[in-house]
C-alpha atoms as a PDB file:
ATOM      1  CA  MET A   1      13.871 -71.399 -82.251  1.00  0.00           C
ATOM      2  CA  LEU A   2      13.689 -72.276 -85.920  1.00  0.00           C
ATOM      3  CA  PRO A   3      10.234 -72.068 -87.498  1.00  0.00           C
ATOM      4  CA  PRO A   4       8.551 -75.518 -87.594  1.00  0.00           C
ATOM      5  CA  ASP A   5       7.733 -75.182 -91.300  1.00  0.00           C
ATOM      6  CA  GLN A   6      11.471 -75.449 -92.049  1.00  0.00           C
ATOM      7  CA  TRP A   7      11.741 -78.925 -90.515  1.00  0.00           C
ATOM      8  CA  GLY A   8      11.649 -81.670 -93.098  1.00  0.00           C
ATOM      9  CA  SER A   9      11.778 -79.201 -95.960  1.00  0.00           C
ATOM     10  CA  ASP A  10      14.304 -79.365 -98.770  1.00  0.00           C
ATOM     11  CA  GLU A  11      14.549 -75.575 -98.659  1.00  0.00           C
ATOM     12  CA  PRO A  12      17.414 -74.185 -96.577  1.00  0.00           C
ATOM     13  CA  ALA A  13      16.383 -72.357 -93.444  1.00  0.00           C
ATOM     14  CA  PRO A  14      16.781 -68.594 -93.541  1.00  0.00           C
ATOM     15  CA  PRO A  15      19.885 -67.181 -91.838  1.00  0.00           C
ATOM     16  CA  TYR A  16      19.629 -66.188 -88.188  1.00  0.00           C
ATOM     17  CA  ASP A  17      18.673 -62.524 -88.352  1.00  0.00           C
ATOM     18  CA  VAL A  18      17.252 -61.664 -84.926  1.00  0.00           C
ATOM     19  CA  PRO A  19      18.695 -58.351 -83.673  1.00  0.00           C
ATOM     20  CA  ARG A  20      21.276 -58.796 -80.908  1.00  0.00           C
ATOM     21  CA  GLY A  21      19.724 -56.214 -78.580  1.00  0.00           C
ATOM     22  CA  THR A  22      21.008 -54.875 -75.277  1.00  0.00           C
ATOM     23  CA  CYS A  23      20.959 -56.128 -71.707  1.00  0.00           C
ATOM     24  CA  PRO A  24      17.951 -54.826 -69.750  1.00  0.00           C
ATOM     25  CA  ARG A  25      20.061 -54.683 -66.568  1.00  0.00           C
ATOM     26  CA  CYS A  26      23.339 -53.007 -67.603  1.00  0.00           C
ATOM     27  CA  GLY A  27      22.668 -51.799 -71.157  1.00  0.00           C
ATOM     28  CA  SER A  28      25.589 -53.756 -72.639  1.00  0.00           C
ATOM     29  CA  ASP A  29      25.427 -54.841 -76.262  1.00  0.00           C
ATOM     30  CA  GLN A  30      27.242 -58.108 -75.400  1.00  0.00           C
ATOM     31  CA  VAL A  31      24.036 -60.178 -75.472  1.00  0.00           C
ATOM     32  CA  VAL A  32      24.223 -63.910 -76.182  1.00  0.00           C
ATOM     33  CA  HIS A  33      21.183 -65.562 -77.799  1.00  0.00           C
ATOM     34  CA  LEU A  34      20.446 -69.163 -76.833  1.00  0.00           C
ATOM     35  CA  VAL A  35      18.594 -70.887 -79.659  1.00  0.00           C
ATOM     36  CA  ILE A  36      16.420 -73.603 -78.165  1.00  0.00           C
ATOM     37  CA  GLY A  37      15.649 -76.732 -80.210  1.00  0.00           C
ATOM     38  CA  MET A  38      17.472 -78.612 -82.899  1.00  0.00           C
ATOM     39  CA  PRO A  39      18.141 -76.988 -86.268  1.00  0.00           C
ATOM     40  CA  ALA A  40      16.575 -78.422 -89.407  1.00  0.00           C
ATOM     41  CA  SER A  41      19.880 -79.763 -90.687  1.00  0.00           C
ATOM     42  CA  PRO A  42      23.325 -80.551 -89.262  1.00  0.00           C
ATOM     43  CA  GLU A  43      24.822 -77.766 -91.390  1.00  0.00           C
ATOM     44  CA  GLU A  44      22.752 -75.183 -89.521  1.00  0.00           C
ATOM     45  CA  PHE A  45      23.900 -76.324 -86.080  1.00  0.00           C
ATOM     46  CA  GLY A  46      26.317 -73.692 -84.900  1.00  0.00           C
ATOM     47  CA  SER A  47      25.677 -71.401 -87.839  1.00  0.00           C
ATOM     48  CA  GLY A  48      24.993 -67.742 -87.352  1.00  0.00           C
ATOM     49  CA  PRO A  49      26.848 -64.965 -85.557  1.00  0.00           C
ATOM     50  CA  ASP A  50      29.354 -65.861 -82.840  1.00  0.00           C
ATOM     51  CA  TRP A  51      26.966 -64.460 -80.201  1.00  0.00           C
ATOM     52  CA  VAL A  52      24.392 -67.178 -80.981  1.00  0.00           C
ATOM     53  CA  SER A  53      24.612 -70.397 -78.970  1.00  0.00           C
ATOM     54  CA  TRP A  54      22.687 -73.468 -80.153  1.00  0.00           C
ATOM     55  CA  VAL A  55      21.627 -75.255 -76.968  1.00  0.00           C
ATOM     56  CA  GLY A  56      19.564 -78.080 -78.449  1.00  0.00           C
ATOM     57  CA  CYS A  57      16.531 -79.424 -76.636  1.00  0.00           C
ATOM     58  CA  ILE A  58      17.590 -78.601 -73.085  1.00  0.00           C
ATOM     59  CA  HIS A  59      15.867 -75.349 -72.145  1.00  0.00           C
ATOM     60  CA  PRO A  60      17.814 -73.485 -69.423  1.00  0.00           C
ATOM     61  CA  GLY A  61      14.807 -71.285 -68.538  1.00  0.00           C
ATOM     62  CA  PHE A  62      16.077 -68.256 -70.443  1.00  0.00           C
ATOM     63  CA  ASP A  63      17.021 -67.445 -74.021  1.00  0.00           C
ATOM     64  CA  ARG A  64      19.289 -64.430 -73.533  1.00  0.00           C
ATOM     65  CA  SER A  65      22.302 -63.748 -71.340  1.00  0.00           C
ATOM     66  CA  CYS A  66      24.669 -60.832 -70.907  1.00  0.00           C
ATOM     67  CA  ALA A  67      28.366 -61.582 -71.328  1.00  0.00           C
ATOM     68  CA  ASP A  68      29.223 -58.464 -69.288  1.00  0.00           C
ATOM     69  CA  CYS A  69      27.061 -58.652 -66.144  1.00  0.00           C
ATOM     70  CA  GLY A  70      25.776 -62.263 -66.278  1.00  0.00           C
ATOM     71  CA  HIS A  71      22.084 -61.333 -66.277  1.00  0.00           C
ATOM     72  CA  THR A  72      19.769 -63.899 -67.920  1.00  0.00           C
ATOM     73  CA  TRP A  73      16.269 -63.346 -69.260  1.00  0.00           C
ATOM     74  CA  ASP A  74      13.592 -64.561 -71.645  1.00  0.00           C
ATOM     75  CA  ALA A  75      13.267 -62.191 -74.600  1.00  0.00           C
ATOM     76  CA  ARG A  76       9.566 -63.036 -74.925  1.00  0.00           C
ATOM     77  CA  LEU A  77       9.070 -61.458 -71.496  1.00  0.00           C
ATOM     78  CA  ASP A  78      10.961 -58.286 -72.498  1.00  0.00           C
ATOM     79  CA  GLY A  79      13.745 -58.918 -69.987  1.00  0.00           C
ATOM     80  CA  ALA A  80      11.332 -58.980 -67.070  1.00  0.00           C
ATOM     81  CA  ASN A  81      13.134 -61.817 -65.213  1.00  0.00           C
ATOM     82  CA  ASP A  82      15.341 -60.638 -62.370  1.00  0.00           C
ATOM     83  CA  GLU A  83      17.860 -63.462 -62.167  1.00  0.00           C
END
Protein backbone atom coordinates (compact mmCIF):
# COMPACT_ATOMS: atom_id res chain seq x y z
CA MET A 1 0.00 0.00 0.00
CA LEU A 2 1.20 3.52 -0.64
CA PRO A 3 2.33 5.47 2.42
CA PRO A 4 -0.49 7.72 3.74
CA ASP A 5 1.79 10.77 3.82
CA GLN A 6 1.83 10.71 0.00
CA TRP A 7 -1.93 11.21 -0.26
CA GLY A 8 -2.89 14.79 -0.94
CA SER A 9 0.71 15.83 -1.43
CA ASP A 10 1.98 17.68 -4.47
CA GLU A 11 5.12 15.55 -4.35
CA PRO A 12 5.10 12.49 -6.60
CA ALA A 13 5.03 9.17 -4.80
CA PRO A 14 8.26 7.20 -4.88
CA PRO A 15 8.45 4.38 -7.44
CA TYR A 16 7.37 0.91 -6.36
CA ASP A 17 10.59 -0.66 -5.14
CA VAL A 18 9.56 -3.63 -2.98
CA PRO A 19 11.65 -6.71 -3.84
CA ARG A 20 9.73 -9.32 -5.84
CA GLY A 21 10.73 -12.24 -3.63
CA THR A 22 10.08 -15.95 -4.09
CA CYS A 23 7.13 -18.22 -3.43
CA PRO A 24 7.30 -19.86 0.02
CA ARG A 25 5.66 -23.02 -1.38
CA CYS A 26 7.52 -23.75 -4.64
CA GLY A 27 10.45 -21.31 -4.60
CA SER A 28 9.48 -19.71 -7.92
CA ASP A 29 10.48 -16.12 -8.60
CA GLN A 30 7.20 -15.52 -10.48
CA VAL A 31 5.59 -13.67 -7.55
CA VAL A 32 2.79 -11.18 -8.21
CA HIS A 33 2.35 -8.32 -5.71
CA LEU A 34 -1.19 -7.07 -5.12
CA VAL A 35 -1.10 -3.44 -4.04
CA ILE A 36 -4.12 -2.77 -1.85
CA GLY A 37 -5.66 0.72 -1.79
CA MET A 38 -5.89 3.52 -4.28
CA PRO A 39 -2.75 5.30 -5.47
CA ALA A 40 -2.26 8.98 -4.71
CA SER A 41 -2.82 10.01 -8.31
CA PRO A 42 -4.36 8.50 -11.45
CA GLU A 43 -0.92 8.47 -13.09
CA GLU A 44 0.35 6.03 -10.47
CA PHE A 45 -2.48 3.54 -10.99
CA GLY A 46 -0.96 0.66 -12.88
CA SER A 47 2.56 2.03 -12.65
CA GLY A 48 5.43 -0.14 -11.56
CA PRO A 49 6.77 -3.48 -12.76
CA ASP A 50 4.49 -5.79 -14.73
CA TRP A 51 4.36 -8.18 -11.74
CA VAL A 52 2.56 -5.55 -9.63
CA SER A 53 -1.24 -5.57 -9.72
CA TRP A 54 -3.16 -2.57 -8.36
CA VAL A 55 -6.32 -4.03 -6.83
CA GLY A 56 -7.87 -0.88 -5.37
CA CYS A 57 -9.86 -1.01 -2.17
CA ILE A 58 -11.08 -4.60 -2.41
CA HIS A 59 -8.76 -6.70 -0.25
CA PRO A 60 -8.69 -10.34 -1.43
CA GLY A 61 -7.19 -11.56 1.87
CA PHE A 62 -3.66 -11.85 0.52
CA ASP A 63 -1.11 -9.54 -1.06
CA ARG A 64 1.11 -12.01 -2.90
CA SER A 65 0.43 -14.83 -5.34
CA CYS A 66 2.59 -17.23 -7.30
CA ALA A 67 2.06 -17.30 -11.06
CA ASP A 68 3.59 -20.80 -11.20
CA CYS A 69 1.84 -22.82 -8.48
CA GLY A 70 -1.11 -20.54 -7.57
CA HIS A 71 -0.20 -20.22 -3.89
CA THR A 72 -1.42 -17.02 -2.19
CA TRP A 73 -0.13 -15.44 1.00
CA ASP A 74 0.19 -12.25 3.02
CA ALA A 75 3.78 -10.99 2.95
CA ARG A 76 3.35 -9.47 6.42
CA LEU A 77 2.89 -13.01 7.74
CA ASP A 78 6.05 -14.26 5.97
CA GLY A 79 4.09 -16.60 3.71
CA ALA A 80 2.58 -18.45 6.65
CA ASN A 81 -0.87 -18.89 5.02
CA ASP A 82 -1.45 -22.33 3.54
CA GLU A 83 -4.04 -21.57 0.88
